PDB file of N, CA and C in Angstrom:
ATOM      1  N   UNK A   1      76.151  67.172 -43.161  1.00  0.00           N
ATOM      2  CA  UNK A   1      75.554  68.445 -43.506  1.00  0.00           C
ATOM      3  C   UNK A   1      76.422  69.279 -44.307  1.00  0.00           C
ATOM      4  N   UNK A   2      76.508  69.375 -45.643  1.00  0.00           N
ATOM      5  CA  UNK A   2      77.811  70.574 -45.997  1.00  0.00           C
ATOM      6  C   UNK A   2      77.081  71.861 -46.133  1.00  0.00           C
ATOM      7  N   UNK A   3      77.849  72.717 -46.353  1.00  0.00           N
ATOM      8  CA  UNK A   3      77.670  74.010 -46.650  1.00  0.00           C
ATOM      9  C   UNK A   3      78.234  74.382 -48.418  1.00  0.00           C
ATOM     10  N   UNK A   4      76.898  74.955 -48.769  1.00  0.00           N
ATOM     11  CA  UNK A   4      76.818  75.084 -50.210  1.00  0.00           C
ATOM     12  C   UNK A   4      77.632  76.719 -50.532  1.00  0.00           C
ATOM     13  N   UNK A   5      78.789  76.863 -51.360  1.00  0.00           N
ATOM     14  CA  UNK A   5      79.992  77.895 -51.262  1.00  0.00           C
ATOM     15  C   UNK A   5      79.453  78.855 -52.691  1.00  0.00           C
ATOM     16  N   UNK A   6      78.222  78.259 -53.523  1.00  0.00           N
ATOM     17  CA  UNK A   6      77.534  78.769 -54.413  1.00  0.00           C
ATOM     18  C   UNK A   6      76.397  79.448 -54.285  1.00  0.00           C
ATOM     19  N   UNK A   7      75.732  80.623 -54.916  1.00  0.00           N
ATOM     20  CA  UNK A   7      74.343  81.006 -54.788  1.00  0.00           C
ATOM     21  C   UNK A   7      73.724  80.414 -55.602  1.00  0.00           C
ATOM     22  N   UNK A   8      72.084  80.010 -54.800  1.00  0.00           N
ATOM     23  CA  UNK A   8      71.384  79.466 -55.557  1.00  0.00           C
ATOM     24  C   UNK A   8      70.495  80.132 -56.343  1.00  0.00           C
ATOM     25  N   UNK A   9      70.808  81.418 -56.364  1.00  0.00           N
ATOM     26  CA  UNK A   9      70.266  82.182 -57.196  1.00  0.00           C
ATOM     27  C   UNK A   9      70.607  82.719 -58.606  1.00  0.00           C
ATOM     28  N   UNK A  10      72.210  82.916 -58.141  1.00  0.00           N
ATOM     29  CA  UNK A  10      72.661  83.522 -59.625  1.00  0.00           C
ATOM     30  C   UNK A  10      73.939  82.360 -59.630  1.00  0.00           C
ATOM     31  N   UNK A  11      74.845  81.939 -58.967  1.00  0.00           N
ATOM     32  CA  UNK A  11      75.585  80.990 -58.833  1.00  0.00           C
ATOM     33  C   UNK A  11      77.215  81.706 -58.705  1.00  0.00           C
ATOM     34  N   UNK A  12      76.985  82.861 -58.273  1.00  0.00           N
ATOM     35  CA  UNK A  12      78.095  83.741 -57.333  1.00  0.00           C
ATOM     36  C   UNK A  12      78.391  83.175 -56.093  1.00  0.00           C
ATOM     37  N   UNK A  13      80.054  83.403 -55.758  1.00  0.00           N
ATOM     38  CA  UNK A  13      80.429  82.640 -55.070  1.00  0.00           C
ATOM     39  C   UNK A  13      79.787  83.483 -53.572  1.00  0.00           C
ATOM     40  N   UNK A  14      79.428  81.981 -52.639  1.00  0.00           N
ATOM     41  CA  UNK A  14      79.338  82.765 -51.456  1.00  0.00           C
ATOM     42  C   UNK A  14      80.161  83.185 -50.564  1.00  0.00           C
ATOM     43  N   UNK A  15      80.267  84.111 -49.525  1.00  0.00           N
ATOM     44  CA  UNK A  15      81.450  84.800 -48.859  1.00  0.00           C
ATOM     45  C   UNK A  15      80.833  84.460 -47.389  1.00  0.00           C
ATOM     46  N   UNK A  16      81.640  84.194 -46.302  1.00  0.00           N
ATOM     47  CA  UNK A  16      81.561  84.556 -45.220  1.00  0.00           C
ATOM     48  C   UNK A  16      81.582  85.627 -44.225  1.00  0.00           C
ATOM     49  N   UNK A  17      80.494  85.707 -43.846  1.00  0.00           N
ATOM     50  CA  UNK A  17      80.286  87.264 -43.212  1.00  0.00           C
ATOM     51  C   UNK A  17      80.297  86.984 -41.684  1.00  0.00           C
ATOM     52  N   UNK A  18      81.112  87.482 -40.858  1.00  0.00           N
ATOM     53  CA  UNK A  18      81.143  87.068 -39.449  1.00  0.00           C
ATOM     54  C   UNK A  18      80.492  88.158 -38.567  1.00  0.00           C
ATOM     55  N   UNK A  19      79.925  89.225 -38.945  1.00  0.00           N
ATOM     56  CA  UNK A  19      79.491  90.268 -38.158  1.00  0.00           C
ATOM     57  C   UNK A  19      77.941  90.102 -37.711  1.00  0.00           C
ATOM     58  N   UNK A  20      78.020  90.192 -36.358  1.00  0.00           N
ATOM     59  CA  UNK A  20      77.202  89.421 -35.873  1.00  0.00           C
ATOM     60  C   UNK A  20      76.434  87.707 -35.592  1.00  0.00           C
ATOM     61  N   UNK A  21      75.586  87.497 -36.351  1.00  0.00           N
ATOM     62  CA  UNK A  21      75.452  86.013 -36.522  1.00  0.00           C
ATOM     63  C   UNK A  21      75.994  85.636 -37.705  1.00  0.00           C
ATOM     64  N   UNK A  22      77.096  84.238 -38.055  1.00  0.00           N
ATOM     65  CA  UNK A  22      77.411  84.104 -38.971  1.00  0.00           C
ATOM     66  C   UNK A  22      76.344  83.702 -40.259  1.00  0.00           C
ATOM     67  N   UNK A  23      77.134  84.254 -41.174  1.00  0.00           N
ATOM     68  CA  UNK A  23      75.844  84.053 -42.593  1.00  0.00           C
ATOM     69  C   UNK A  23      76.732  84.025 -44.007  1.00  0.00           C
ATOM     70  N   UNK A  24      76.167  83.685 -44.823  1.00  0.00           N
ATOM     71  CA  UNK A  24      76.643  83.267 -45.818  1.00  0.00           C
ATOM     72  C   UNK A  24      76.502  84.471 -46.639  1.00  0.00           C
ATOM     73  N   UNK A  25      76.760  85.356 -47.799  1.00  0.00           N
ATOM     74  CA  UNK A  25      76.584  86.335 -48.892  1.00  0.00           C
ATOM     75  C   UNK A  25      76.959  86.298 -50.301  1.00  0.00           C
ATOM     76  N   UNK A  26      76.099  86.372 -50.740  1.00  0.00           N
ATOM     77  CA  UNK A  26      76.541  86.351 -52.482  1.00  0.00           C
ATOM     78  C   UNK A  26      77.612  87.387 -52.898  1.00  0.00           C
ATOM     79  N   UNK A  27      78.239  87.599 -53.322  1.00  0.00           N
ATOM     80  CA  UNK A  27      79.289  88.532 -54.026  1.00  0.00           C
ATOM     81  C   UNK A  27      78.404  89.269 -55.218  1.00  0.00           C
ATOM     82  N   UNK A  28      77.565  88.678 -55.768  1.00  0.00           N
ATOM     83  CA  UNK A  28      76.919  88.974 -56.975  1.00  0.00           C
ATOM     84  C   UNK A  28      75.801  89.932 -56.395  1.00  0.00           C
ATOM     85  N   UNK A  29      74.750  88.976 -56.476  1.00  0.00           N
ATOM     86  CA  UNK A  29      73.327  89.617 -56.084  1.00  0.00           C
ATOM     87  C   UNK A  29      72.869  89.809 -54.431  1.00  0.00           C
ATOM     88  N   UNK A  30      73.738  89.727 -53.561  1.00  0.00           N
ATOM     89  CA  UNK A  30      73.702  89.911 -52.171  1.00  0.00           C
ATOM     90  C   UNK A  30      72.678  88.760 -51.614  1.00  0.00           C
ATOM     91  N   UNK A  31      72.603  88.137 -52.222  1.00  0.00           N
ATOM     92  CA  UNK A  31      71.602  86.576 -51.355  1.00  0.00           C
ATOM     93  C   UNK A  31      72.023  86.196 -50.166  1.00  0.00           C
ATOM     94  N   UNK A  32      71.597  86.560 -49.144  1.00  0.00           N
ATOM     95  CA  UNK A  32      72.201  85.904 -47.743  1.00  0.00           C
ATOM     96  C   UNK A  32      71.763  84.586 -47.004  1.00  0.00           C
ATOM     97  N   UNK A  33      72.184  83.616 -46.376  1.00  0.00           N
ATOM     98  CA  UNK A  33      71.809  83.021 -45.816  1.00  0.00           C
ATOM     99  C   UNK A  33      72.505  82.519 -44.303  1.00  0.00           C
ATOM    100  N   UNK A  34      71.767  82.692 -43.314  1.00  0.00           N
ATOM    101  CA  UNK A  34      72.440  82.250 -42.047  1.00  0.00           C
ATOM    102  C   UNK A  34      72.562  81.137 -42.025  1.00  0.00           C
ATOM    103  N   UNK A  35      73.568  81.117 -41.015  1.00  0.00           N
ATOM    104  CA  UNK A  35      74.631  79.467 -40.669  1.00  0.00           C
ATOM    105  C   UNK A  35      73.851  78.927 -39.361  1.00  0.00           C
ATOM    106  N   UNK A  36      73.808  77.550 -39.239  1.00  0.00           N
ATOM    107  CA  UNK A  36      73.483  77.045 -38.121  1.00  0.00           C
ATOM    108  C   UNK A  36      74.547  77.020 -37.558  1.00  0.00           C
ATOM    109  N   UNK A  37      74.591  76.640 -36.155  1.00  0.00           N
ATOM    110  CA  UNK A  37      75.759  76.146 -35.599  1.00  0.00           C
ATOM    111  C   UNK A  37      77.014  75.379 -36.148  1.00  0.00           C
ATOM    112  N   UNK A  38      76.402  73.957 -36.525  1.00  0.00           N
ATOM    113  CA  UNK A  38      76.876  72.937 -36.976  1.00  0.00           C
ATOM    114  C   UNK A  38      77.682  73.565 -38.468  1.00  0.00           C
ATOM    115  N   UNK A  39      76.794  74.431 -39.115  1.00  0.00           N
ATOM    116  CA  UNK A  39      77.753  74.899 -40.508  1.00  0.00           C
ATOM    117  C   UNK A  39      79.107  75.448 -40.196  1.00  0.00           C
ATOM    118  N   UNK A  40      79.136  76.548 -39.265  1.00  0.00           N
ATOM    119  CA  UNK A  40      80.199  76.982 -38.739  1.00  0.00           C
ATOM    120  C   UNK A  40      81.351  76.689 -38.434  1.00  0.00           C
ATOM    121  N   UNK A  41      81.430  75.361 -38.198  1.00  0.00           N
ATOM    122  CA  UNK A  41      82.343  74.212 -37.903  1.00  0.00           C
ATOM    123  C   UNK A  41      83.012  73.575 -39.062  1.00  0.00           C
ATOM    124  N   UNK A  42      82.373  73.774 -40.319  1.00  0.00           N
ATOM    125  CA  UNK A  42      82.662  73.006 -41.117  1.00  0.00           C
ATOM    126  C   UNK A  42      83.819  73.952 -41.991  1.00  0.00           C
ATOM    127  N   UNK A  43      84.810  73.415 -42.901  1.00  0.00           N
ATOM    128  CA  UNK A  43      85.598  74.018 -44.086  1.00  0.00           C
ATOM    129  C   UNK A  43      85.410  73.700 -45.470  1.00  0.00           C
ATOM    130  N   UNK A  44      85.355  74.438 -46.301  1.00  0.00           N
ATOM    131  CA  UNK A  44      85.500  74.155 -47.668  1.00  0.00           C
ATOM    132  C   UNK A  44      86.143  74.797 -48.350  1.00  0.00           C
ATOM    133  N   UNK A  45      86.704  74.285 -49.211  1.00  0.00           N
ATOM    134  CA  UNK A  45      87.961  74.959 -49.947  1.00  0.00           C
ATOM    135  C   UNK A  45      87.476  74.962 -51.304  1.00  0.00           C
ATOM    136  N   UNK A  46      87.700  76.085 -52.261  1.00  0.00           N
ATOM    137  CA  UNK A  46      87.444  76.129 -53.610  1.00  0.00           C
ATOM    138  C   UNK A  46      89.003  75.756 -54.433  1.00  0.00           C
ATOM    139  N   UNK A  47      88.941  74.893 -55.437  1.00  0.00           N
ATOM    140  CA  UNK A  47      90.015  74.630 -56.230  1.00  0.00           C
ATOM    141  C   UNK A  47      89.685  74.339 -57.284  1.00  0.00           C
ATOM    142  N   UNK A  48      90.071  75.156 -58.434  1.00  0.00           N
ATOM    143  CA  UNK A  48      89.631  74.766 -59.851  1.00  0.00           C
ATOM    144  C   UNK A  48      88.391  75.119 -59.976  1.00  0.00           C
ATOM    145  N   UNK A  49      87.670  76.064 -59.448  1.00  0.00           N
ATOM    146  CA  UNK A  49      85.732  75.791 -59.525  1.00  0.00           C
ATOM    147  C   UNK A  49      85.017  74.543 -58.965  1.00  0.00           C
ATOM    148  N   UNK A  50      86.143  73.888 -57.950  1.00  0.00           N
ATOM    149  CA  UNK A  50      85.258  72.367 -57.564  1.00  0.00           C
ATOM    150  C   UNK A  50      85.336  73.083 -56.178  1.00  0.00           C
ATOM    151  N   UNK A  51      83.904  72.688 -55.273  1.00  0.00           N
ATOM    152  CA  UNK A  51      84.203  72.584 -53.967  1.00  0.00           C
ATOM    153  C   UNK A  51      84.663  71.332 -53.433  1.00  0.00           C
ATOM    154  N   UNK A  52      85.251  71.347 -52.339  1.00  0.00           N
ATOM    155  CA  UNK A  52      86.242  70.238 -51.979  1.00  0.00           C
ATOM    156  C   UNK A  52      86.155  70.391 -50.545  1.00  0.00           C
ATOM    157  N   UNK A  53      85.379  69.378 -49.585  1.00  0.00           N
ATOM    158  CA  UNK A  53      84.774  69.171 -48.280  1.00  0.00           C
ATOM    159  C   UNK A  53      86.722  68.868 -47.721  1.00  0.00           C
ATOM    160  N   UNK A  54      87.176  69.846 -46.668  1.00  0.00           N
ATOM    161  CA  UNK A  54      88.384  69.601 -45.990  1.00  0.00           C
ATOM    162  C   UNK A  54      87.682  68.555 -44.601  1.00  0.00           C
ATOM    163  N   UNK A  55      88.236  67.437 -44.167  1.00  0.00           N
ATOM    164  CA  UNK A  55      87.791  67.078 -42.768  1.00  0.00           C
ATOM    165  C   UNK A  55      88.684  68.016 -41.623  1.00  0.00           C
ATOM    166  N   UNK A  56      88.057  68.280 -40.844  1.00  0.00           N
ATOM    167  CA  UNK A  56      88.900  69.066 -39.649  1.00  0.00           C
ATOM    168  C   UNK A  56      88.278  67.368 -38.444  1.00  0.00           C
ATOM    169  N   UNK A  57      90.117  67.166 -37.810  1.00  0.00           N
ATOM    170  CA  UNK A  57      90.103  66.462 -37.099  1.00  0.00           C
ATOM    171  C   UNK A  57      90.570  66.903 -35.488  1.00  0.00           C
ATOM    172  N   UNK A  58      89.749  66.571 -34.786  1.00  0.00           N
ATOM    173  CA  UNK A  58      90.053  66.779 -33.237  1.00  0.00           C
ATOM    174  C   UNK A  58      91.150  66.339 -32.631  1.00  0.00           C
ATOM    175  N   UNK A  59      91.918  66.926 -31.822  1.00  0.00           N
ATOM    176  CA  UNK A  59      93.163  66.452 -31.028  1.00  0.00           C
ATOM    177  C   UNK A  59      92.307  65.012 -30.551  1.00  0.00           C
ATOM    178  N   UNK A  60      91.374  64.604 -30.245  1.00  0.00           N
ATOM    179  CA  UNK A  60      91.324  63.429 -29.532  1.00  0.00           C
ATOM    180  C   UNK A  60      91.250  61.999 -30.895  1.00  0.00           C
ATOM    181  N   UNK A  61      90.772  62.587 -31.464  1.00  0.00           N
ATOM    182  CA  UNK A  61      90.833  61.912 -33.195  1.00  0.00           C
ATOM    183  C   UNK A  61      92.101  61.893 -33.793  1.00  0.00           C
ATOM    184  N   UNK A  62      93.319  62.933 -33.564  1.00  0.00           N
ATOM    185  CA  UNK A  62      94.532  62.967 -34.319  1.00  0.00           C
ATOM    186  C   UNK A  62      95.176  61.587 -33.745  1.00  0.00           C
ATOM    187  N   UNK A  63      95.447  61.354 -32.475  1.00  0.00           N
ATOM    188  CA  UNK A  63      96.226  60.592 -31.643  1.00  0.00           C
ATOM    189  C   UNK A  63      95.796  59.092 -32.251  1.00  0.00           C
ATOM    190  N   UNK A  64      94.057  59.224 -32.322  1.00  0.00           N
ATOM    191  CA  UNK A  64      94.186  57.473 -32.976  1.00  0.00           C
ATOM    192  C   UNK A  64      94.768  57.301 -34.309  1.00  0.00           C
ATOM    193  N   UNK A  65      95.178  58.547 -35.539  1.00  0.00           N
ATOM    194  CA  UNK A  65      95.540  58.485 -36.827  1.00  0.00           C
ATOM    195  C   UNK A  65      96.942  58.151 -36.888  1.00  0.00           C
ATOM    196  N   UNK A  66      97.564  58.226 -35.655  1.00  0.00           N
ATOM    197  CA  UNK A  66      98.836  58.721 -35.717  1.00  0.00           C
ATOM    198  C   UNK A  66      99.651  57.228 -36.319  1.00  0.00           C
ATOM    199  N   UNK A  67     100.616  57.434 -37.380  1.00  0.00           N
ATOM    200  CA  UNK A  67     101.469  56.373 -37.952  1.00  0.00           C
ATOM    201  C   UNK A  67     102.852  56.123 -37.935  1.00  0.00           C
ATOM    202  N   UNK A  68     103.111  57.104 -36.761  1.00  0.00           N
ATOM    203  CA  UNK A  68     104.654  57.097 -36.659  1.00  0.00           C
ATOM    204  C   UNK A  68     104.739  56.133 -35.175  1.00  0.00           C
ATOM    205  N   UNK A  69     106.113  55.776 -35.038  1.00  0.00           N
ATOM    206  CA  UNK A  69     106.153  54.677 -33.868  1.00  0.00           C
ATOM    207  C   UNK A  69     106.576  55.637 -32.550  1.00  0.00           C
ATOM    208  N   UNK A  70     106.662  55.680 -31.246  1.00  0.00           N
ATOM    209  CA  UNK A  70     106.849  55.998 -30.457  1.00  0.00           C
ATOM    210  C   UNK A  70     108.068  55.585 -29.763  1.00  0.00           C
ATOM    211  N   UNK A  71     109.037  56.808 -29.053  1.00  0.00           N
ATOM    212  CA  UNK A  71     109.583  55.951 -28.455  1.00  0.00           C
ATOM    213  C   UNK A  71     109.301  56.883 -26.586  1.00  0.00           C
ATOM    214  N   UNK A  72     110.215  56.433 -25.664  1.00  0.00           N
ATOM    215  CA  UNK A  72     110.556  56.899 -24.740  1.00  0.00           C
ATOM    216  C   UNK A  72     111.872  57.734 -24.704  1.00  0.00           C
ATOM    217  N   UNK A  73     111.720  59.109 -24.820  1.00  0.00           N
ATOM    218  CA  UNK A  73     112.834  59.813 -24.358  1.00  0.00           C
ATOM    219  C   UNK A  73     112.373  61.532 -24.232  1.00  0.00           C
ATOM    220  N   UNK A  74     113.206  61.917 -23.661  1.00  0.00           N
ATOM    221  CA  UNK A  74     113.024  63.086 -22.634  1.00  0.00           C
ATOM    222  C   UNK A  74     112.809  64.327 -23.690  1.00  0.00           C
ATOM    223  N   UNK A  75     111.594  65.005 -23.671  1.00  0.00           N
ATOM    224  CA  UNK A  75     111.799  66.560 -24.662  1.00  0.00           C
ATOM    225  C   UNK A  75     112.744  67.603 -23.650  1.00  0.00           C
ATOM    226  N   UNK A  76     113.405  67.894 -24.723  1.00  0.00           N
ATOM    227  CA  UNK A  76     114.132  68.901 -24.215  1.00  0.00           C
ATOM    228  C   UNK A  76     113.307  70.805 -23.547  1.00  0.00           C
ATOM    229  N   UNK A  77     112.340  70.524 -24.240  1.00  0.00           N
ATOM    230  CA  UNK A  77     111.516  71.929 -24.090  1.00  0.00           C
ATOM    231  C   UNK A  77     110.458  71.842 -22.587  1.00  0.00           C
ATOM    232  N   UNK A  78     109.231  70.576 -22.709  1.00  0.00           N
ATOM    233  CA  UNK A  78     108.534  70.337 -21.958  1.00  0.00           C
ATOM    234  C   UNK A  78     108.853  69.513 -21.168  1.00  0.00           C
ATOM    235  N   UNK A  79     109.852  68.356 -21.166  1.00  0.00           N
ATOM    236  CA  UNK A  79     110.091  67.049 -20.461  1.00  0.00           C
ATOM    237  C   UNK A  79     109.361  66.221 -20.341  1.00  0.00           C
ATOM    238  N   UNK A  80     108.213  65.928 -21.430  1.00  0.00           N
ATOM    239  CA  UNK A  80     107.117  65.071 -21.577  1.00  0.00           C
ATOM    240  C   UNK A  80     108.221  63.979 -22.060  1.00  0.00           C
ATOM    241  N   UNK A  81     107.792  62.719 -21.746  1.00  0.00           N
ATOM    242  CA  UNK A  81     108.855  61.345 -22.066  1.00  0.00           C
ATOM    243  C   UNK A  81     108.368  60.537 -23.189  1.00  0.00           C
ATOM    244  N   UNK A  82     107.092  61.018 -24.310  1.00  0.00           N
ATOM    245  CA  UNK A  82     106.846  60.087 -25.233  1.00  0.00           C
ATOM    246  C   UNK A  82     107.258  61.246 -26.478  1.00  0.00           C
ATOM    247  N   UNK A  83     108.339  60.445 -27.461  1.00  0.00           N
ATOM    248  CA  UNK A  83     108.174  61.223 -28.845  1.00  0.00           C
ATOM    249  C   UNK A  83     108.107  60.319 -29.856  1.00  0.00           C
ATOM    250  N   UNK A  84     107.513  61.016 -31.182  1.00  0.00           N
ATOM    251  CA  UNK A  84     107.589  59.827 -32.321  1.00  0.00           C
ATOM    252  C   UNK A  84     109.048  59.920 -32.776  1.00  0.00           C
ATOM    253  N   UNK A  85     109.330  59.092 -33.444  1.00  0.00           N
ATOM    254  CA  UNK A  85     110.357  58.647 -34.196  1.00  0.00           C
ATOM    255  C   UNK A  85     110.467  58.582 -35.606  1.00  0.00           C
ATOM    256  N   UNK A  86     111.054  59.022 -36.118  1.00  0.00           N
ATOM    257  CA  UNK A  86     111.632  58.279 -37.732  1.00  0.00           C
ATOM    258  C   UNK A  86     113.015  58.710 -38.141  1.00  0.00           C
ATOM    259  N   UNK A  87     113.382  58.234 -39.129  1.00  0.00           N
ATOM    260  CA  UNK A  87     114.800  58.063 -39.738  1.00  0.00           C
ATOM    261  C   UNK A  87     114.422  58.580 -40.794  1.00  0.00           C
ATOM    262  N   UNK A  88     115.520  59.534 -41.134  1.00  0.00           N
ATOM    263  CA  UNK A  88     115.877  59.982 -43.107  1.00  0.00           C
ATOM    264  C   UNK A  88     117.173  59.470 -43.477  1.00  0.00           C
ATOM    265  N   UNK A  89     117.421  58.897 -44.779  1.00  0.00           N
ATOM    266  CA  UNK A  89     118.949  58.786 -44.932  1.00  0.00           C
ATOM    267  C   UNK A  89     119.572  59.764 -45.918  1.00  0.00           C
ATOM    268  N   UNK A  90     120.349  60.376 -45.366  1.00  0.00           N
ATOM    269  CA  UNK A  90     121.206  61.843 -45.779  1.00  0.00           C
ATOM    270  C   UNK A  90     122.616  60.891 -46.491  1.00  0.00           C
ATOM    271  N   UNK A  91     122.614  61.516 -47.352  1.00  0.00           N
ATOM    272  CA  UNK A  91     124.135  60.893 -48.591  1.00  0.00           C
ATOM    273  C   UNK A  91     124.581  62.617 -48.891  1.00  0.00           C
ATOM    274  N   UNK A  92     125.971  62.347 -48.360  1.00  0.00           N
ATOM    275  CA  UNK A  92     126.687  63.703 -48.945  1.00  0.00           C
ATOM    276  C   UNK A  92     128.033  62.911 -49.658  1.00  0.00           C
ATOM    277  N   UNK A  93     127.804  63.137 -51.410  1.00  0.00           N
ATOM    278  CA  UNK A  93     128.648  62.526 -51.757  1.00  0.00           C
ATOM    279  C   UNK A  93     129.231  61.083 -51.251  1.00  0.00           C
ATOM    280  N   UNK A  94     130.413  60.752 -50.579  1.00  0.00           N
ATOM    281  CA  UNK A  94     130.705  59.266 -50.371  1.00  0.00           C
ATOM    282  C   UNK A  94     130.214  59.090 -49.285  1.00  0.00           C
ATOM    283  N   UNK A  95     129.278  60.003 -48.354  1.00  0.00           N
ATOM    284  CA  UNK A  95     129.532  59.504 -46.774  1.00  0.00           C
ATOM    285  C   UNK A  95     127.886  59.339 -46.856  1.00  0.00           C
ATOM    286  N   UNK A  96     127.381  58.550 -46.289  1.00  0.00           N
ATOM    287  CA  UNK A  96     125.584  57.964 -46.157  1.00  0.00           C
ATOM    288  C   UNK A  96     125.829  57.724 -44.808  1.00  0.00           C
ATOM    289  N   UNK A  97     124.753  58.939 -44.275  1.00  0.00           N
ATOM    290  CA  UNK A  97     124.411  58.593 -42.956  1.00  0.00           C
ATOM    291  C   UNK A  97     122.752  58.549 -42.565  1.00  0.00           C
ATOM    292  N   UNK A  98     122.460  58.394 -41.268  1.00  0.00           N
ATOM    293  CA  UNK A  98     121.148  58.148 -40.601  1.00  0.00           C
ATOM    294  C   UNK A  98     120.723  59.690 -39.575  1.00  0.00           C
ATOM    295  N   UNK A  99     119.506  60.118 -40.562  1.00  0.00           N
ATOM    296  CA  UNK A  99     119.222  61.772 -39.310  1.00  0.00           C
ATOM    297  C   UNK A  99     118.059  60.795 -38.724  1.00  0.00           C
ATOM    298  N   UNK A 100     118.069  61.092 -37.076  1.00  0.00           N
ATOM    299  CA  UNK A 100     116.826  60.741 -36.368  1.00  0.00           C
ATOM    300  C   UNK A 100     116.126  61.487 -36.296  1.00  0.00           C
ATOM    301  N   UNK A 101     114.778  61.846 -36.349  1.00  0.00           N
ATOM    302  CA  UNK A 101     113.451  62.954 -36.163  1.00  0.00           C
ATOM    303  C   UNK A 101     113.155  62.052 -34.933  1.00  0.00           C
ATOM    304  N   UNK A 102     112.844  63.586 -33.573  1.00  0.00           N
ATOM    305  CA  UNK A 102     112.072  63.124 -32.462  1.00  0.00           C
ATOM    306  C   UNK A 102     111.320  64.050 -32.687  1.00  0.00           C
ATOM    307  N   UNK A 103     109.432  64.003 -32.810  1.00  0.00           N
ATOM    308  CA  UNK A 103     108.776  64.901 -32.297  1.00  0.00           C
ATOM    309  C   UNK A 103     107.836  64.708 -30.937  1.00  0.00           C
ATOM    310  N   UNK A 104     108.243  65.731 -29.847  1.00  0.00           N
ATOM    311  CA  UNK A 104     107.216  65.428 -28.613  1.00  0.00           C
ATOM    312  C   UNK A 104     105.696  65.345 -28.862  1.00  0.00           C
ATOM    313  N   UNK A 105     104.998  64.227 -28.866  1.00  0.00           N
ATOM    314  CA  UNK A 105     103.731  64.337 -28.629  1.00  0.00           C
ATOM    315  C   UNK A 105     102.924  64.913 -27.915  1.00  0.00           C
ATOM    316  N   UNK A 106     103.480  65.888 -26.900  1.00  0.00           N
ATOM    317  CA  UNK A 106     102.771  67.014 -26.215  1.00  0.00           C
ATOM    318  C   UNK A 106     102.757  68.682 -26.721  1.00  0.00           C
ATOM    319  N   UNK A 107     104.284  68.475 -26.833  1.00  0.00           N
ATOM    320  CA  UNK A 107     104.284  70.090 -27.176  1.00  0.00           C
ATOM    321  C   UNK A 107     104.839  70.312 -28.644  1.00  0.00           C
ATOM    322  N   UNK A 108     104.704  68.968 -29.481  1.00  0.00           N
ATOM    323  CA  UNK A 108     104.878  69.197 -31.075  1.00  0.00           C
ATOM    324  C   UNK A 108     106.889  69.666 -31.179  1.00  0.00           C
ATOM    325  N   UNK A 109     107.613  69.582 -30.142  1.00  0.00           N
ATOM    326  CA  UNK A 109     108.954  70.421 -30.466  1.00  0.00           C
ATOM    327  C   UNK A 109     109.606  69.383 -31.742  1.00  0.00           C
ATOM    328  N   UNK A 110     110.177  69.462 -32.230  1.00  0.00           N
ATOM    329  CA  UNK A 110     110.658  68.500 -32.963  1.00  0.00           C
ATOM    330  C   UNK A 110     112.340  68.476 -33.209  1.00  0.00           C
ATOM    331  N   UNK A 111     113.065  67.708 -32.884  1.00  0.00           N
ATOM    332  CA  UNK A 111     114.888  67.692 -33.036  1.00  0.00           C
ATOM    333  C   UNK A 111     115.191  66.447 -33.468  1.00  0.00           C
ATOM    334  N   UNK A 112     116.285  66.248 -34.040  1.00  0.00           N
ATOM    335  CA  UNK A 112     117.329  65.481 -34.768  1.00  0.00           C
ATOM    336  C   UNK A 112     118.513  65.231 -34.316  1.00  0.00           C
ATOM    337  N   UNK A 113     119.137  64.173 -34.360  1.00  0.00           N
ATOM    338  CA  UNK A 113     119.969  63.450 -34.218  1.00  0.00           C
ATOM    339  C   UNK A 113     120.849  62.816 -35.218  1.00  0.00           C
ATOM    340  N   UNK A 114     122.133  63.192 -35.441  1.00  0.00           N
ATOM    341  CA  UNK A 114     122.862  62.271 -37.050  1.00  0.00           C
ATOM    342  C   UNK A 114     123.876  61.187 -36.216  1.00  0.00           C
ATOM    343  N   UNK A 115     123.509  60.388 -37.133  1.00  0.00           N
ATOM    344  CA  UNK A 115     124.540  59.227 -36.518  1.00  0.00           C
ATOM    345  C   UNK A 115     124.294  58.541 -37.511  1.00  0.00           C
TER     346      UNK A 115
END
C-alpha cells in the first residue's frame, strides 16, 4: 500500500499533519485524509515532480544486506569484537599507500589505519 502525495480533488501537494491522529492535508483546497497505522510508517520523497517510494530497512534486515567483509578487531569505543573492513588506495605524489577502515557493527564507530 502506498500513500498518495497529491490531492485527489485538485492535484495539490498533501502535507503530513501530526496534530491529533496523523493525516494528510492538501495545501490548496484543504482536503484532509486520515492515515492508517501502516501508512504512517511509509516515507515518500518528491523529486522533480515525481513521487518516489523509499524503502525503509529495519535493523534486522540491514544485517542481511551487508556486503563488506567482517574481521575480529576490538572496537576502542564499545569493546565489540566484530568490525566491517575495507581498503582505500591513497596516492600522494610518488608515495602510494593503503588506508584500512574498520567500522564496528555494534556502535558504528569507524576508525582507520594507514599502512
